[in-house]
Structures are given as C-alpha cells and as structure tokens.
Amino acid sequence: MATIFRDLSYRYQWLYDSISRLAAVTVGGEARFRCLALENLQLEADTQILDLCCGSGHVTRFLVNFSNHVTGLDASPLSIQRSQKNVPKATYIQAFAEDMPFADNLFDVVHTSAALHEMQPEQLRKIITEVYRVLKPGGVFTLIDFHPPTNPLFWPGLAVFFWLFETETAWELLRTDLPGLLTDYGFDVGKPSLYAGGSLQVIQGKKMVENGQDFQEK
C-alpha cells in the first residue's frame, strides 16, 4: 500500500528530487549516487545502452555524455515526458520492463537505478529474463538498489524511509539474494559493492557466453 508521501513524491518532481538529494548524502552526493552503477564500465560513443525504468532521466543525463545510443524505458507516461524534457538527447520508449519491445541481443549495457525494489517477486523474475534477452552476449546488466545494512546504525534510517516512501516490495527485496537470482538466470555476477553502511548494493552481471552461443536461461 502506497503512502501519501510516496504519491506526492512521484506527483511533484521537486519533492522527489529533494528526497533523492537528501538520501544521496550518505554516498557523497547525488551525482556520485547516480554514477555508482556506471563505474568500471567501458562506455563509448557507439555503446548501445538501455536505461531501464529511467524515471525522469536522473541517470540518463549522465549516460548521454558517454554514448550516442541511449534509450530510456519507463512504464509511466509522466516519467517519459519529464525525461524527454530533461534529457532530449536520448530516445524514449513507454513500456513495461517485464515486456520490452526490443529485439534479442540488442544492447551492450542495461542499467537500472533504485527500481527493482518496486517490483513484485514474479515481476522481478520476468524483468531479469527480459534483460537477459535484450542484452548482447557478453553485455552487462548493472544496477543499484537497496540491501540489508551491514552497519546496524543505518537500519533506523532505512526503516523510516521505507515506512514513509516505500511498499512491501522494498522489504521483499531486502530478503532476496539478488546476485544469486541473477546467477540463476544465466548472469556471471561478481561480488556486489556495498555503500551507505551496506544499505545500497551495486551489482554488475555479464550475460554468459558458452561455446560461442548465448548461455541458456534456467
């Protein structure tokens, strides 16, 4: 069940942006937070990038500085309108992440930022399947999202944030072994990088290639 604060934050971009900036202080500011999942990636002008669940284009605006081929996808018409206004250099598609209108093996990189915790478990699995499908062999799925804090001092703040702005799906993600889930679907996943007392995780998974062919989904 959504809270009134959650509804208001999505209705008014200035409120959402203010909340994002405040939360990002724990990792050194908003710009660093938006780019954490892009670290260690080799992004070039011809890299085909999908910004999945792009929202209002907060990370898209960084991606277009690296590549001339950035596509933003979001299910919300309002978010797409905001993205088009905020980052006109990218191409945008309004669609659901679990049913993407793209050909197989299209993108070199699929990125998503703080979006998977919005998904129901079955929806999350469908999205991972779709990401695997649209990535080229050897392509990378890179994401940042919540993680159970390893520093107990961060638990109260995270709990209050969830209570004010999130739903049960965010708590469900904390109980999910996301690297293990990605591995089950064919990704080669390294050790997650943890930030903000362990309350944020960055995961980068590569689409496996076996004997020159795509690794088959389990």
C-alpha atoms as a PDB file:
ATOM      1  CA  MET A   1       0.000   0.000   0.000  1.00  0.00           C
ATOM      2  CA  ALA A   2       1.410   3.372  -1.061  1.00  0.00           C
ATOM      3  CA  THR A   3       1.796   6.161   1.489  1.00  0.00           C
ATOM      4  CA  ILE A   4       0.722   9.742   0.887  1.00  0.00           C
ATOM      5  CA  PHE A   5       4.381  10.792   0.872  1.00  0.00           C
ATOM      6  CA  ARG A   6       5.142   8.278  -1.871  1.00  0.00           C
ATOM      7  CA  ASP A   7       2.273   9.551  -4.022  1.00  0.00           C
ATOM      8  CA  LEU A   8       3.308  13.168  -3.512  1.00  0.00           C
ATOM      9  CA  SER A   9       6.956  12.455  -4.324  1.00  0.00           C
ATOM     10  CA  TYR A  10       6.002  10.987  -7.695  1.00  0.00           C
ATOM     11  CA  ARG A  11       3.483  13.715  -8.458  1.00  0.00           C
ATOM     12  CA  TYR A  12       5.872  16.587  -7.795  1.00  0.00           C
ATOM     13  CA  GLN A  13       9.339  16.235  -9.269  1.00  0.00           C
ATOM     14  CA  TRP A  14      10.832  18.917  -6.994  1.00  0.00           C
ATOM     15  CA  LEU A  15       9.818  16.854  -3.948  1.00  0.00           C
ATOM     16  CA  TYR A  16      11.214  13.627  -5.434  1.00  0.00           C
ATOM     17  CA  ASP A  17      14.454  15.390  -6.345  1.00  0.00           C
ATOM     18  CA  SER A  18      14.784  16.841  -2.847  1.00  0.00           C
ATOM     19  CA  ILE A  19      14.323  13.422  -1.252  1.00  0.00           C
ATOM     20  CA  SER A  20      16.835  11.883  -3.644  1.00  0.00           C
ATOM     21  CA  ARG A  21      19.451  14.520  -2.890  1.00  0.00           C
ATOM     22  CA  LEU A  22      18.999  14.085   0.840  1.00  0.00           C
ATOM     23  CA  ALA A  23      19.283  10.295   0.642  1.00  0.00           C
ATOM     24  CA  ALA A  24      22.353  10.537  -1.617  1.00  0.00           C
ATOM     25  CA  VAL A  25      24.334  12.444   1.019  1.00  0.00           C
ATOM     26  CA  THR A  26      25.304   9.069   2.547  1.00  0.00           C
ATOM     27  CA  VAL A  27      27.340   8.177  -0.576  1.00  0.00           C
ATOM     28  CA  GLY A  28      28.857  11.585  -1.264  1.00  0.00           C
ATOM     29  CA  GLY A  29      26.097  13.403  -3.106  1.00  0.00           C
ATOM     30  CA  GLU A  30      23.558  12.869  -5.858  1.00  0.00           C
ATOM     31  CA  ALA A  31      25.988  12.929  -8.782  1.00  0.00           C
ATOM     32  CA  ARG A  32      28.076  10.158  -7.244  1.00  0.00           C
ATOM     33  CA  PHE A  33      24.988   8.117  -6.352  1.00  0.00           C
ATOM     34  CA  ARG A  34      23.683   8.330  -9.918  1.00  0.00           C
ATOM     35  CA  CYS A  35      27.014   7.150 -11.333  1.00  0.00           C
ATOM     36  CA  LEU A  36      27.873   4.359  -8.866  1.00  0.00           C
ATOM     37  CA  ALA A  37      26.440   1.644 -11.117  1.00  0.00           C
ATOM     38  CA  LEU A  38      28.395   3.021 -14.085  1.00  0.00           C
ATOM     39  CA  GLU A  39      31.804   2.549 -12.500  1.00  0.00           C
ATOM     40  CA  ASN A  40      34.174   0.071 -14.194  1.00  0.00           C
ATOM     41  CA  LEU A  41      32.096   0.060 -17.395  1.00  0.00           C
ATOM     42  CA  GLN A  42      33.715   0.730 -20.752  1.00  0.00           C
ATOM     43  CA  LEU A  43      31.213   3.129 -22.305  1.00  0.00           C
ATOM     44  CA  GLU A  44      31.958   4.556 -25.740  1.00  0.00           C
ATOM     45  CA  ALA A  45      30.118   6.660 -28.314  1.00  0.00           C
ATOM     46  CA  ASP A  46      28.704   3.609 -30.105  1.00  0.00           C
ATOM     47  CA  THR A  47      27.737   1.638 -26.974  1.00  0.00           C
ATOM     48  CA  GLN A  48      24.070   0.644 -27.075  1.00  0.00           C
ATOM     49  CA  ILE A  49      22.679   1.490 -23.610  1.00  0.00           C
ATOM     50  CA  LEU A  50      19.236   0.883 -22.149  1.00  0.00           C
ATOM     51  CA  ASP A  51      18.310   2.950 -19.086  1.00  0.00           C
ATOM     52  CA  LEU A  52      15.624   0.671 -17.676  1.00  0.00           C
ATOM     53  CA  CYS A  53      12.908   2.310 -15.562  1.00  0.00           C
ATOM     54  CA  CYS A  54      14.586   5.601 -16.375  1.00  0.00           C
ATOM     55  CA  GLY A  55      12.183   7.745 -14.364  1.00  0.00           C
ATOM     56  CA  SER A  56      12.777  11.427 -15.008  1.00  0.00           C
ATOM     57  CA  GLY A  57      16.197  10.846 -16.545  1.00  0.00           C
ATOM     58  CA  HIS A  58      18.415  11.300 -13.493  1.00  0.00           C
ATOM     59  CA  VAL A  59      20.995   8.781 -14.733  1.00  0.00           C
ATOM     60  CA  THR A  60      20.105   9.163 -18.419  1.00  0.00           C
ATOM     61  CA  ARG A  61      21.656  12.628 -18.321  1.00  0.00           C
ATOM     62  CA  PHE A  62      24.996  11.057 -17.400  1.00  0.00           C
ATOM     63  CA  LEU A  63      24.698   8.199 -19.889  1.00  0.00           C
ATOM     64  CA  VAL A  64      24.297  10.530 -22.883  1.00  0.00           C
ATOM     65  CA  ASN A  65      27.704  12.003 -22.047  1.00  0.00           C
ATOM     66  CA  PHE A  66      29.264   8.609 -22.795  1.00  0.00           C
ATOM     67  CA  SER A  67      27.186   7.248 -25.673  1.00  0.00           C
ATOM     68  CA  ASN A  68      25.206   8.485 -28.662  1.00  0.00           C
ATOM     69  CA  HIS A  69      22.880   5.495 -28.415  1.00  0.00           C
ATOM     70  CA  VAL A  70      20.961   5.751 -25.144  1.00  0.00           C
ATOM     71  CA  THR A  71      17.385   4.514 -24.843  1.00  0.00           C
ATOM     72  CA  GLY A  72      15.251   5.231 -21.792  1.00  0.00           C
ATOM     73  CA  LEU A  73      12.319   2.956 -20.951  1.00  0.00           C
ATOM     74  CA  ASP A  74       9.644   3.575 -18.339  1.00  0.00           C
ATOM     75  CA  ALA A  75       6.034   2.484 -17.838  1.00  0.00           C
ATOM     76  CA  SER A  76       4.942   5.935 -16.645  1.00  0.00           C
ATOM     77  CA  PRO A  77       3.838   8.449 -19.318  1.00  0.00           C
ATOM     78  CA  LEU A  78       4.622  11.285 -16.885  1.00  0.00           C
ATOM     79  CA  SER A  79       8.164  10.000 -16.345  1.00  0.00           C
ATOM     80  CA  ILE A  80       8.722   9.715 -20.093  1.00  0.00           C
ATOM     81  CA  GLN A  81       7.508  13.290 -20.595  1.00  0.00           C
ATOM     82  CA  ARG A  82       9.863  14.519 -17.887  1.00  0.00           C
ATOM     83  CA  SER A  83      12.785  12.546 -19.319  1.00  0.00           C
ATOM     84  CA  GLN A  84      12.210  13.915 -22.797  1.00  0.00           C
ATOM     85  CA  LYS A  85      12.273  17.424 -21.377  1.00  0.00           C
ATOM     86  CA  ASN A  86      15.238  16.854 -19.043  1.00  0.00           C
ATOM     87  CA  VAL A  87      17.427  14.787 -21.398  1.00  0.00           C
ATOM     88  CA  PRO A  88      16.350  15.295 -25.037  1.00  0.00           C
ATOM     89  CA  LYS A  89      19.469  13.602 -26.428  1.00  0.00           C
ATOM     90  CA  ALA A  90      18.161  10.113 -25.559  1.00  0.00           C
ATOM     91  CA  THR A  91      15.449   8.051 -27.233  1.00  0.00           C
ATOM     92  CA  TYR A  92      12.474   7.065 -25.083  1.00  0.00           C
ATOM     93  CA  ILE A  93      10.027   4.176 -25.061  1.00  0.00           C
ATOM     94  CA  GLN A  94       6.958   3.880 -22.839  1.00  0.00           C
ATOM     95  CA  ALA A  95       6.642   0.200 -21.953  1.00  0.00           C
ATOM     96  CA  PHE A  96       6.745  -2.255 -19.077  1.00  0.00           C
ATOM     97  CA  ALA A  97      10.147  -3.592 -18.064  1.00  0.00           C
ATOM     98  CA  GLU A  98       8.799  -7.151 -17.959  1.00  0.00           C
ATOM     99  CA  ASP A  99       7.650  -6.963 -21.612  1.00  0.00           C
ATOM    100  CA  MET A 100      10.166  -4.859 -23.511  1.00  0.00           C
ATOM    101  CA  PRO A 101       9.515  -4.111 -27.210  1.00  0.00           C
ATOM    102  CA  PHE A 102      13.103  -4.759 -28.265  1.00  0.00           C
ATOM    103  CA  ALA A 103      14.809  -7.395 -30.387  1.00  0.00           C
ATOM    104  CA  ASP A 104      17.023 -10.053 -28.815  1.00  0.00           C
ATOM    105  CA  ASN A 105      20.722  -9.284 -28.280  1.00  0.00           C
ATOM    106  CA  LEU A 106      20.342  -5.536 -28.884  1.00  0.00           C
ATOM    107  CA  PHE A 107      22.068  -3.708 -26.014  1.00  0.00           C
ATOM    108  CA  ASP A 108      25.642  -3.691 -24.735  1.00  0.00           C
ATOM    109  CA  VAL A 109      24.584  -2.346 -21.331  1.00  0.00           C
ATOM    110  CA  VAL A 110      21.300  -2.367 -19.428  1.00  0.00           C
ATOM    111  CA  HIS A 111      21.237  -0.044 -16.428  1.00  0.00           C
ATOM    112  CA  THR A 112      18.632   0.440 -13.727  1.00  0.00           C
ATOM    113  CA  SER A 113      18.745   2.598 -10.610  1.00  0.00           C
ATOM    114  CA  ALA A 114      16.639   2.023  -7.491  1.00  0.00           C
ATOM    115  CA  ALA A 115      13.799   0.428  -9.445  1.00  0.00           C
ATOM    116  CA  LEU A 116      13.869  -3.305  -8.756  1.00  0.00           C
ATOM    117  CA  HIS A 117      12.629  -2.831  -5.197  1.00  0.00           C
ATOM    118  CA  GLU A 118       9.363  -1.585  -6.713  1.00  0.00           C
ATOM    119  CA  MET A 119       8.642  -4.979  -8.286  1.00  0.00           C
ATOM    120  CA  GLN A 120       6.661  -7.959  -7.070  1.00  0.00           C
ATOM    121  CA  PRO A 121       8.781 -11.189  -6.936  1.00  0.00           C
ATOM    122  CA  GLU A 122       7.267 -12.695 -10.108  1.00  0.00           C
ATOM    123  CA  GLN A 123       7.537  -9.358 -11.880  1.00  0.00           C
ATOM    124  CA  LEU A 124      11.204  -9.126 -10.859  1.00  0.00           C
ATOM    125  CA  ARG A 125      11.937 -12.528 -12.384  1.00  0.00           C
ATOM    126  CA  LYS A 126      10.244 -11.576 -15.638  1.00  0.00           C
ATOM    127  CA  ILE A 127      12.312  -8.398 -15.800  1.00  0.00           C
ATOM    128  CA  ILE A 128      15.555 -10.305 -15.285  1.00  0.00           C
ATOM    129  CA  THR A 129      14.538 -12.696 -18.068  1.00  0.00           C
ATOM    130  CA  GLU A 130      13.839  -9.760 -20.369  1.00  0.00           C
ATOM    131  CA  VAL A 131      17.118  -8.038 -19.521  1.00  0.00           C
ATOM    132  CA  TYR A 132      18.978 -11.237 -20.353  1.00  0.00           C
ATOM    133  CA  ARG A 133      17.125 -11.485 -23.653  1.00  0.00           C
ATOM    134  CA  VAL A 134      17.812  -7.949 -24.887  1.00  0.00           C
ATOM    135  CA  LEU A 135      21.492  -7.949 -23.870  1.00  0.00           C
ATOM    136  CA  LYS A 136      24.128  -8.951 -26.378  1.00  0.00           C
ATOM    137  CA  PRO A 137      26.302 -11.942 -25.423  1.00  0.00           C
ATOM    138  CA  GLY A 138      28.916 -10.507 -23.082  1.00  0.00           C
ATOM    139  CA  GLY A 139      26.707  -7.492 -22.343  1.00  0.00           C
ATOM    140  CA  VAL A 140      26.399  -6.127 -18.813  1.00  0.00           C
ATOM    141  CA  PHE A 141      23.387  -5.622 -16.557  1.00  0.00           C
ATOM    142  CA  THR A 142      24.346  -3.006 -13.976  1.00  0.00           C
ATOM    143  CA  LEU A 143      22.116  -1.841 -11.135  1.00  0.00           C
ATOM    144  CA  ILE A 144      21.951  -0.118  -7.781  1.00  0.00           C
ATOM    145  CA  ASP A 145      19.286  -0.843  -5.195  1.00  0.00           C
ATOM    146  CA  PHE A 146      18.638  -1.483  -1.525  1.00  0.00           C
ATOM    147  CA  HIS A 147      20.490  -4.063   0.555  1.00  0.00           C
ATOM    148  CA  PRO A 148      20.173  -5.075   4.232  1.00  0.00           C
ATOM    149  CA  PRO A 149      22.528  -2.707   6.102  1.00  0.00           C
ATOM    150  CA  THR A 150      25.697  -4.305   7.364  1.00  0.00           C
ATOM    151  CA  ASN A 151      26.129  -1.393   9.775  1.00  0.00           C
ATOM    152  CA  PRO A 152      23.290  -1.534  12.349  1.00  0.00           C
ATOM    153  CA  LEU A 153      23.370   2.260  12.661  1.00  0.00           C
ATOM    154  CA  PHE A 154      21.781   2.515   9.205  1.00  0.00           C
ATOM    155  CA  TRP A 155      18.778   0.308   9.991  1.00  0.00           C
ATOM    156  CA  PRO A 156      16.629   3.001  11.722  1.00  0.00           C
ATOM    157  CA  GLY A 157      17.035   5.481   8.885  1.00  0.00           C
ATOM    158  CA  LEU A 158      16.273   2.877   6.241  1.00  0.00           C
ATOM    159  CA  ALA A 159      13.219   1.645   8.142  1.00  0.00           C
ATOM    160  CA  VAL A 160      11.817   5.185   8.451  1.00  0.00           C
ATOM    161  CA  PHE A 161      12.464   5.833   4.763  1.00  0.00           C
ATOM    162  CA  PHE A 162      10.654   2.610   3.815  1.00  0.00           C
ATOM    163  CA  TRP A 163       7.751   3.459   6.119  1.00  0.00           C
ATOM    164  CA  LEU A 164       7.331   6.915   4.579  1.00  0.00           C
ATOM    165  CA  PHE A 165       8.003   6.243   0.910  1.00  0.00           C
ATOM    166  CA  GLU A 166       8.094   2.543   0.059  1.00  0.00           C
ATOM    167  CA  THR A 167       5.833  -0.515  -0.028  1.00  0.00           C
ATOM    168  CA  GLU A 168       6.206  -4.169   0.967  1.00  0.00           C
ATOM    169  CA  THR A 169       8.153  -4.888  -2.226  1.00  0.00           C
ATOM    170  CA  ALA A 170      11.116  -2.930  -0.835  1.00  0.00           C
ATOM    171  CA  TRP A 171      11.187  -5.150   2.247  1.00  0.00           C
ATOM    172  CA  GLU A 172      10.880  -8.175  -0.043  1.00  0.00           C
ATOM    173  CA  LEU A 173      13.989  -7.120  -1.945  1.00  0.00           C
ATOM    174  CA  LEU A 174      15.951  -6.992   1.319  1.00  0.00           C
ATOM    175  CA  ARG A 175      15.045 -10.669   1.776  1.00  0.00           C
ATOM    176  CA  THR A 176      16.107 -11.519  -1.792  1.00  0.00           C
ATOM    177  CA  ASP A 177      19.541 -12.788  -2.747  1.00  0.00           C
ATOM    178  CA  LEU A 178      19.693 -10.624  -5.846  1.00  0.00           C
ATOM    179  CA  PRO A 179      23.178 -11.731  -7.009  1.00  0.00           C
ATOM    180  CA  GLY A 180      22.087 -15.357  -6.605  1.00  0.00           C
ATOM    181  CA  LEU A 181      18.893 -14.699  -8.546  1.00  0.00           C
ATOM    182  CA  LEU A 182      20.817 -13.129 -11.418  1.00  0.00           C
ATOM    183  CA  THR A 183      23.190 -16.080 -11.433  1.00  0.00           C
ATOM    184  CA  ASP A 184      20.216 -18.453 -11.680  1.00  0.00           C
ATOM    185  CA  TYR A 185      19.132 -16.671 -14.848  1.00  0.00           C
ATOM    186  CA  GLY A 186      22.486 -17.004 -16.567  1.00  0.00           C
ATOM    187  CA  PHE A 187      24.458 -13.936 -15.494  1.00  0.00           C
ATOM    188  CA  ASP A 188      28.079 -14.044 -14.389  1.00  0.00           C
ATOM    189  CA  VAL A 189      27.868 -11.911 -11.260  1.00  0.00           C
ATOM    190  CA  GLY A 190      30.767 -10.527  -9.292  1.00  0.00           C
ATOM    191  CA  LYS A 191      30.697  -9.607  -5.625  1.00  0.00           C
ATOM    192  CA  PRO A 192      28.331  -6.678  -5.015  1.00  0.00           C
ATOM    193  CA  SER A 193      29.811  -3.352  -3.932  1.00  0.00           C
ATOM    194  CA  LEU A 194      28.122  -2.017  -0.797  1.00  0.00           C
ATOM    195  CA  TYR A 195      27.631   1.623   0.151  1.00  0.00           C
ATOM    196  CA  ALA A 196      25.904   3.681   2.852  1.00  0.00           C
ATOM    197  CA  GLY A 197      26.589   1.238   5.660  1.00  0.00           C
ATOM    198  CA  GLY A 198      25.666  -1.641   3.381  1.00  0.00           C
ATOM    199  CA  SER A 199      22.162  -0.292   2.715  1.00  0.00           C
ATOM    200  CA  LEU A 200      22.879   0.091  -1.010  1.00  0.00           C
ATOM    201  CA  GLN A 201      24.305  -2.523  -3.353  1.00  0.00           C
ATOM    202  CA  VAL A 202      25.769  -2.159  -6.828  1.00  0.00           C
ATOM    203  CA  ILE A 203      25.651  -5.347  -8.896  1.00  0.00           C
ATOM    204  CA  GLN A 204      27.122  -5.911 -12.335  1.00  0.00           C
ATOM    205  CA  GLY A 205      26.262  -9.137 -14.138  1.00  0.00           C
ATOM    206  CA  LYS A 206      27.537 -10.202 -17.534  1.00  0.00           C
ATOM    207  CA  LYS A 207      25.440 -12.215 -19.965  1.00  0.00           C
ATOM    208  CA  MET A 208      27.199 -15.538 -20.215  1.00  0.00           C
ATOM    209  CA  VAL A 209      28.576 -16.918 -23.460  1.00  0.00           C
ATOM    210  CA  GLU A 210      29.116 -20.657 -23.836  1.00  0.00           C
ATOM    211  CA  ASN A 211      30.889 -22.121 -26.863  1.00  0.00           C
ATOM    212  CA  GLY A 212      30.134 -19.002 -28.826  1.00  0.00           C
ATOM    213  CA  GLN A 213      26.416 -19.200 -28.059  1.00  0.00           C
ATOM    214  CA  ASP A 214      24.187 -17.450 -25.559  1.00  0.00           C
ATOM    215  CA  PHE A 215      24.056 -19.179 -22.188  1.00  0.00           C
ATOM    216  CA  GLN A 216      20.583 -20.673 -21.938  1.00  0.00           C
ATOM    217  CA  GLU A 217      18.243 -19.341 -19.263  1.00  0.00           C
ATOM    218  CA  LYS A 218      17.378 -21.644 -16.421  1.00  0.00           C
END
